[in-house]
Amino acid sequence: MTGLMIILSLALVAFYVNDTWRANERARRVGRQACKRAGVQLLDATVVRIGQRPVWGARGLALRRRYRFEFSADGAGRHPGEISLEGQQLQRVTLDWPDGGREFQGPDPADRGGGPER
């Protein structure tokens, strides 16, 4: 019984690590695409996870992960952006513009959804 518990625990850890790696890669790709669509530069080419929590979604239990990145509209200033994923599904991308405006982008066409809203 103890051996089975160890194997199950290792399998769960491996699943979590793989899922986290895939979500991080997806967030980096989404950040690059969002900046490209908005005509701004993704700074430092990094997207950092700032939080995660379990949620009940349309497909059952999933992890909602939030990521932060920085972009520049003019090459000099730094402005925050945020990405929200539920599992591997894109929920939202937010770009905080220098003038105080905010842009929300929903799922991309590959995720069966809409486009930018402003």
N, C-alpha and C. Protein backbone atom coordinates (compact mmCIF):
# COMPACT_ATOMS: atom_id res chain seq x y z
N MET A 1 0.82 -1.19 0.00
CA MET A 1 0.00 0.00 0.00
C MET A 1 0.86 1.26 0.00
N THR A 2 1.93 1.26 0.80
CA THR A 2 2.81 2.42 0.87
C THR A 2 3.49 2.66 -0.48
N GLY A 3 3.89 1.59 -1.14
CA GLY A 3 4.52 1.71 -2.46
C GLY A 3 3.58 2.34 -3.48
N LEU A 4 2.31 1.95 -3.43
CA LEU A 4 1.30 2.51 -4.33
C LEU A 4 1.12 4.01 -4.07
N MET A 5 1.12 4.40 -2.80
CA MET A 5 0.97 5.82 -2.45
C MET A 5 2.17 6.64 -2.96
N ILE A 6 3.35 6.07 -2.86
CA ILE A 6 4.55 6.76 -3.35
C ILE A 6 4.47 6.94 -4.86
N ILE A 7 4.07 5.88 -5.57
CA ILE A 7 3.95 5.96 -7.02
C ILE A 7 2.88 6.98 -7.42
N LEU A 8 1.75 6.97 -6.74
CA LEU A 8 0.68 7.92 -7.02
C LEU A 8 1.14 9.35 -6.75
N SER A 9 1.86 9.55 -5.65
CA SER A 9 2.38 10.88 -5.32
C SER A 9 3.36 11.36 -6.38
N LEU A 10 4.26 10.49 -6.82
CA LEU A 10 5.22 10.87 -7.86
C LEU A 10 4.52 11.18 -9.18
N ALA A 11 3.48 10.43 -9.50
CA ALA A 11 2.72 10.69 -10.73
C ALA A 11 2.03 12.05 -10.66
N LEU A 12 1.45 12.38 -9.51
CA LEU A 12 0.80 13.68 -9.35
C LEU A 12 1.79 14.84 -9.45
N VAL A 13 2.96 14.66 -8.85
CA VAL A 13 4.00 15.69 -8.92
C VAL A 13 4.45 15.86 -10.37
N ALA A 14 4.66 14.75 -11.08
CA ALA A 14 5.08 14.83 -12.48
C ALA A 14 4.01 15.51 -13.33
N PHE A 15 2.74 15.20 -13.09
CA PHE A 15 1.65 15.84 -13.82
C PHE A 15 1.64 17.35 -13.56
N TYR A 16 1.76 17.74 -12.31
CA TYR A 16 1.75 19.15 -11.94
C TYR A 16 2.92 19.91 -12.59
N VAL A 17 4.12 19.33 -12.52
CA VAL A 17 5.30 19.99 -13.09
C VAL A 17 5.13 20.15 -14.60
N ASN A 18 4.65 19.12 -15.28
CA ASN A 18 4.44 19.18 -16.72
C ASN A 18 3.37 20.22 -17.07
N ASP A 19 2.27 20.22 -16.33
CA ASP A 19 1.19 21.17 -16.59
C ASP A 19 1.66 22.60 -16.35
N THR A 20 2.44 22.82 -15.31
CA THR A 20 2.97 24.15 -15.01
C THR A 20 3.92 24.61 -16.11
N TRP A 21 4.79 23.72 -16.56
CA TRP A 21 5.72 24.06 -17.64
C TRP A 21 4.96 24.45 -18.90
N ARG A 22 3.94 23.67 -19.27
CA ARG A 22 3.14 23.96 -20.46
C ARG A 22 2.40 25.29 -20.32
N ALA A 23 1.85 25.57 -19.14
CA ALA A 23 1.13 26.84 -18.92
C ALA A 23 2.10 28.02 -19.00
N ASN A 24 3.30 27.88 -18.44
CA ASN A 24 4.29 28.96 -18.51
C ASN A 24 4.69 29.24 -19.96
N GLU A 25 4.90 28.19 -20.75
CA GLU A 25 5.23 28.37 -22.17
C GLU A 25 4.08 29.05 -22.90
N ARG A 26 2.86 28.64 -22.60
CA ARG A 26 1.68 29.24 -23.23
C ARG A 26 1.58 30.72 -22.88
N ALA A 27 1.83 31.06 -21.63
CA ALA A 27 1.76 32.47 -21.20
C ALA A 27 2.82 33.30 -21.92
N ARG A 28 4.02 32.77 -22.09
CA ARG A 28 5.06 33.51 -22.82
C ARG A 28 4.63 33.75 -24.27
N ARG A 29 4.07 32.73 -24.89
CA ARG A 29 3.62 32.85 -26.28
C ARG A 29 2.48 33.87 -26.38
N VAL A 30 1.52 33.80 -25.46
CA VAL A 30 0.40 34.75 -25.46
C VAL A 30 0.90 36.17 -25.24
N GLY A 31 1.85 36.37 -24.34
CA GLY A 31 2.41 37.70 -24.09
C GLY A 31 3.07 38.28 -25.33
N ARG A 32 3.86 37.47 -26.03
CA ARG A 32 4.50 37.94 -27.27
C ARG A 32 3.45 38.30 -28.31
N GLN A 33 2.43 37.45 -28.47
CA GLN A 33 1.38 37.70 -29.47
C GLN A 33 0.57 38.95 -29.12
N ALA A 34 0.24 39.13 -27.86
CA ALA A 34 -0.55 40.30 -27.44
C ALA A 34 0.22 41.59 -27.71
N CYS A 35 1.51 41.59 -27.39
CA CYS A 35 2.32 42.78 -27.64
C CYS A 35 2.45 43.05 -29.14
N LYS A 36 2.61 42.00 -29.91
CA LYS A 36 2.71 42.16 -31.36
C LYS A 36 1.41 42.74 -31.92
N ARG A 37 0.25 42.21 -31.49
CA ARG A 37 -1.04 42.73 -31.95
C ARG A 37 -1.24 44.18 -31.55
N ALA A 38 -0.76 44.56 -30.37
CA ALA A 38 -0.94 45.93 -29.88
C ALA A 38 0.11 46.89 -30.45
N GLY A 39 1.13 46.35 -31.13
CA GLY A 39 2.17 47.20 -31.70
C GLY A 39 3.13 47.75 -30.67
N VAL A 40 3.36 46.99 -29.60
CA VAL A 40 4.28 47.41 -28.55
C VAL A 40 5.37 46.35 -28.38
N GLN A 41 6.37 46.69 -27.61
CA GLN A 41 7.51 45.80 -27.39
C GLN A 41 7.40 45.11 -26.04
N LEU A 42 7.47 43.77 -26.03
CA LEU A 42 7.54 43.01 -24.79
C LEU A 42 8.94 43.20 -24.22
N LEU A 43 9.03 43.69 -23.00
CA LEU A 43 10.33 43.97 -22.40
C LEU A 43 10.89 42.75 -21.69
N ASP A 44 12.17 42.60 -21.77
CA ASP A 44 12.91 41.54 -21.09
C ASP A 44 12.51 40.14 -21.54
N ALA A 45 11.59 40.03 -22.49
CA ALA A 45 11.12 38.74 -23.02
C ALA A 45 10.70 37.79 -21.90
N THR A 46 10.18 38.34 -20.80
CA THR A 46 9.79 37.49 -19.68
C THR A 46 8.34 37.71 -19.30
N VAL A 47 7.74 36.63 -18.88
CA VAL A 47 6.39 36.63 -18.33
C VAL A 47 6.51 35.85 -17.02
N VAL A 48 6.11 36.47 -15.91
CA VAL A 48 6.32 35.89 -14.58
C VAL A 48 4.98 35.52 -13.95
N ARG A 49 4.89 34.30 -13.43
CA ARG A 49 3.66 33.88 -12.75
C ARG A 49 3.57 34.59 -11.41
N ILE A 50 2.40 35.20 -11.15
CA ILE A 50 2.22 35.94 -9.90
C ILE A 50 1.18 35.29 -8.99
N GLY A 51 0.53 34.26 -9.47
CA GLY A 51 -0.43 33.60 -8.61
C GLY A 51 -1.12 32.45 -9.32
N GLN A 52 -1.66 31.54 -8.52
CA GLN A 52 -2.46 30.45 -9.05
C GLN A 52 -3.40 29.95 -7.96
N ARG A 53 -4.55 29.46 -8.41
CA ARG A 53 -5.50 28.90 -7.46
C ARG A 53 -6.41 27.94 -8.21
N PRO A 54 -6.92 26.93 -7.53
CA PRO A 54 -7.85 26.01 -8.18
C PRO A 54 -9.22 26.66 -8.35
N VAL A 55 -9.86 26.40 -9.48
CA VAL A 55 -11.19 26.93 -9.76
C VAL A 55 -12.01 25.84 -10.46
N TRP A 56 -13.33 25.94 -10.33
CA TRP A 56 -14.22 25.07 -11.10
C TRP A 56 -14.56 25.81 -12.38
N GLY A 57 -14.15 25.25 -13.50
CA GLY A 57 -14.41 25.87 -14.79
C GLY A 57 -15.39 25.05 -15.60
N ALA A 58 -15.52 25.41 -16.85
CA ALA A 58 -16.43 24.72 -17.77
C ALA A 58 -16.02 23.25 -17.95
N ARG A 59 -14.74 22.98 -17.79
CA ARG A 59 -14.24 21.61 -17.98
C ARG A 59 -13.94 20.92 -16.66
N GLY A 60 -14.45 21.43 -15.56
CA GLY A 60 -14.20 20.82 -14.26
C GLY A 60 -13.12 21.58 -13.51
N LEU A 61 -12.44 20.89 -12.62
CA LEU A 61 -11.40 21.51 -11.79
C LEU A 61 -10.19 21.87 -12.64
N ALA A 62 -9.71 23.10 -12.48
CA ALA A 62 -8.54 23.59 -13.22
C ALA A 62 -7.78 24.57 -12.34
N LEU A 63 -6.57 24.87 -12.75
CA LEU A 63 -5.78 25.90 -12.06
C LEU A 63 -5.89 27.20 -12.84
N ARG A 64 -6.26 28.27 -12.17
CA ARG A 64 -6.23 29.60 -12.77
C ARG A 64 -4.90 30.21 -12.39
N ARG A 65 -4.12 30.52 -13.42
CA ARG A 65 -2.80 31.10 -13.21
C ARG A 65 -2.79 32.52 -13.75
N ARG A 66 -2.15 33.42 -13.01
CA ARG A 66 -2.00 34.81 -13.44
C ARG A 66 -0.52 35.09 -13.65
N TYR A 67 -0.24 35.82 -14.72
CA TYR A 67 1.13 36.17 -15.08
C TYR A 67 1.22 37.67 -15.30
N ARG A 68 2.38 38.21 -15.03
CA ARG A 68 2.64 39.64 -15.25
C ARG A 68 3.81 39.77 -16.22
N PHE A 69 3.74 40.80 -17.05
CA PHE A 69 4.84 41.14 -17.96
C PHE A 69 4.88 42.65 -18.10
N GLU A 70 5.94 43.15 -18.71
CA GLU A 70 6.05 44.59 -18.95
C GLU A 70 6.25 44.82 -20.44
N PHE A 71 5.69 45.94 -20.91
CA PHE A 71 5.83 46.29 -22.31
C PHE A 71 6.14 47.78 -22.42
N SER A 72 6.61 48.19 -23.60
CA SER A 72 6.89 49.59 -23.86
C SER A 72 6.25 49.99 -25.17
N ALA A 73 5.57 51.13 -25.14
CA ALA A 73 4.95 51.66 -26.34
C ALA A 73 5.91 52.55 -27.12
N ASP A 74 6.89 53.15 -26.41
CA ASP A 74 7.79 54.10 -27.05
C ASP A 74 9.27 53.73 -26.92
N GLY A 75 9.57 52.60 -26.32
CA GLY A 75 10.95 52.18 -26.14
C GLY A 75 11.60 52.72 -24.88
N ALA A 76 10.93 53.64 -24.19
CA ALA A 76 11.52 54.25 -22.99
C ALA A 76 10.76 53.87 -21.73
N GLY A 77 9.44 53.98 -21.74
CA GLY A 77 8.65 53.70 -20.54
C GLY A 77 8.35 52.22 -20.38
N ARG A 78 8.05 51.85 -19.16
CA ARG A 78 7.67 50.47 -18.84
C ARG A 78 6.24 50.48 -18.32
N HIS A 79 5.42 49.59 -18.86
CA HIS A 79 4.01 49.53 -18.47
C HIS A 79 3.63 48.08 -18.22
N PRO A 80 2.75 47.85 -17.24
CA PRO A 80 2.41 46.47 -16.88
C PRO A 80 1.34 45.85 -17.79
N GLY A 81 1.45 44.56 -17.91
CA GLY A 81 0.43 43.77 -18.58
C GLY A 81 0.19 42.52 -17.74
N GLU A 82 -0.96 41.90 -17.93
CA GLU A 82 -1.29 40.70 -17.16
C GLU A 82 -2.00 39.69 -18.05
N ILE A 83 -1.74 38.43 -17.80
CA ILE A 83 -2.34 37.31 -18.53
C ILE A 83 -3.02 36.41 -17.51
N SER A 84 -4.20 35.92 -17.85
CA SER A 84 -4.90 34.97 -17.01
C SER A 84 -5.22 33.73 -17.83
N LEU A 85 -4.77 32.57 -17.35
CA LEU A 85 -5.06 31.29 -17.98
C LEU A 85 -5.86 30.43 -17.02
N GLU A 86 -6.81 29.69 -17.55
CA GLU A 86 -7.53 28.68 -16.76
C GLU A 86 -7.20 27.35 -17.40
N GLY A 87 -6.37 26.56 -16.72
CA GLY A 87 -5.79 25.39 -17.36
C GLY A 87 -4.86 25.89 -18.45
N GLN A 88 -5.10 25.49 -19.69
CA GLN A 88 -4.33 26.00 -20.82
C GLN A 88 -5.13 27.03 -21.61
N GLN A 89 -6.37 27.30 -21.20
CA GLN A 89 -7.25 28.22 -21.91
C GLN A 89 -6.98 29.66 -21.51
N LEU A 90 -6.79 30.51 -22.51
CA LEU A 90 -6.61 31.94 -22.27
C LEU A 90 -7.93 32.55 -21.81
N GLN A 91 -7.90 33.26 -20.70
CA GLN A 91 -9.07 33.97 -20.20
C GLN A 91 -9.01 35.44 -20.57
N ARG A 92 -7.84 36.07 -20.35
CA ARG A 92 -7.74 37.51 -20.58
C ARG A 92 -6.28 37.94 -20.64
N VAL A 93 -6.05 38.96 -21.46
CA VAL A 93 -4.78 39.68 -21.48
C VAL A 93 -5.12 41.15 -21.23
N THR A 94 -4.42 41.77 -20.32
CA THR A 94 -4.66 43.18 -20.00
C THR A 94 -3.38 43.96 -20.24
N LEU A 95 -3.50 45.08 -20.95
CA LEU A 95 -2.38 46.00 -21.16
C LEU A 95 -2.75 47.34 -20.54
N ASP A 96 -1.97 47.82 -19.59
CA ASP A 96 -2.21 49.12 -18.97
C ASP A 96 -1.40 50.17 -19.73
N TRP A 97 -2.11 51.03 -20.45
CA TRP A 97 -1.46 52.02 -21.32
C TRP A 97 -0.95 53.22 -20.52
N PRO A 98 0.03 53.94 -21.07
CA PRO A 98 0.62 55.08 -20.37
C PRO A 98 -0.38 56.18 -20.04
N ASP A 99 -1.40 56.35 -20.87
CA ASP A 99 -2.38 57.42 -20.65
C ASP A 99 -3.44 57.05 -19.62
N GLY A 100 -3.29 55.90 -19.00
CA GLY A 100 -4.24 55.45 -18.00
C GLY A 100 -5.31 54.54 -18.56
N GLY A 101 -5.33 54.38 -19.88
CA GLY A 101 -6.29 53.47 -20.48
C GLY A 101 -5.90 52.02 -20.28
N ARG A 102 -6.83 51.14 -20.53
CA ARG A 102 -6.57 49.72 -20.34
C ARG A 102 -7.18 48.96 -21.51
N GLU A 103 -6.43 48.02 -22.05
CA GLU A 103 -6.91 47.20 -23.16
C GLU A 103 -7.07 45.77 -22.70
N PHE A 104 -8.21 45.19 -23.04
CA PHE A 104 -8.48 43.79 -22.71
C PHE A 104 -8.53 43.01 -24.01
N GLN A 105 -7.86 41.89 -24.01
CA GLN A 105 -7.92 40.99 -25.15
C GLN A 105 -8.39 39.64 -24.64
N GLY A 106 -9.37 39.10 -25.31
CA GLY A 106 -9.89 37.79 -24.94
C GLY A 106 -9.14 36.69 -25.64
N PRO A 107 -9.72 35.50 -25.68
CA PRO A 107 -9.07 34.36 -26.32
C PRO A 107 -8.77 34.65 -27.79
N ASP A 108 -7.61 34.12 -28.25
CA ASP A 108 -7.26 34.28 -29.66
C ASP A 108 -8.08 33.31 -30.50
N PRO A 109 -8.09 33.48 -31.83
CA PRO A 109 -8.92 32.63 -32.68
C PRO A 109 -8.64 31.14 -32.51
N ALA A 110 -7.42 30.77 -32.19
CA ALA A 110 -7.11 29.36 -31.98
C ALA A 110 -7.80 28.82 -30.74
N ASP A 111 -8.24 29.70 -29.84
CA ASP A 111 -8.94 29.30 -28.62
C ASP A 111 -10.45 29.45 -28.77
N ARG A 112 -10.95 29.56 -30.01
CA ARG A 112 -12.38 29.68 -30.28
C ARG A 112 -12.97 30.95 -29.70
N GLY A 113 -12.36 32.08 -29.90
CA GLY A 113 -12.92 33.26 -29.25
C GLY A 113 -12.75 34.51 -30.05
N GLY A 114 -12.99 35.61 -29.37
CA GLY A 114 -12.98 36.92 -29.98
C GLY A 114 -11.61 37.49 -30.12
N GLY A 115 -11.55 38.79 -30.25
CA GLY A 115 -10.29 39.47 -30.44
C GLY A 115 -10.14 40.60 -29.45
N PRO A 116 -9.35 41.60 -29.83
CA PRO A 116 -9.13 42.71 -28.91
C PRO A 116 -10.39 43.53 -28.69
N GLU A 117 -10.53 44.03 -27.49
CA GLU A 117 -11.58 44.98 -27.16
C GLU A 117 -10.91 46.20 -26.61
N ARG A 118 -11.37 47.35 -26.95
CA ARG A 118 -10.73 48.56 -26.44
C ARG A 118 -11.74 49.56 -26.04
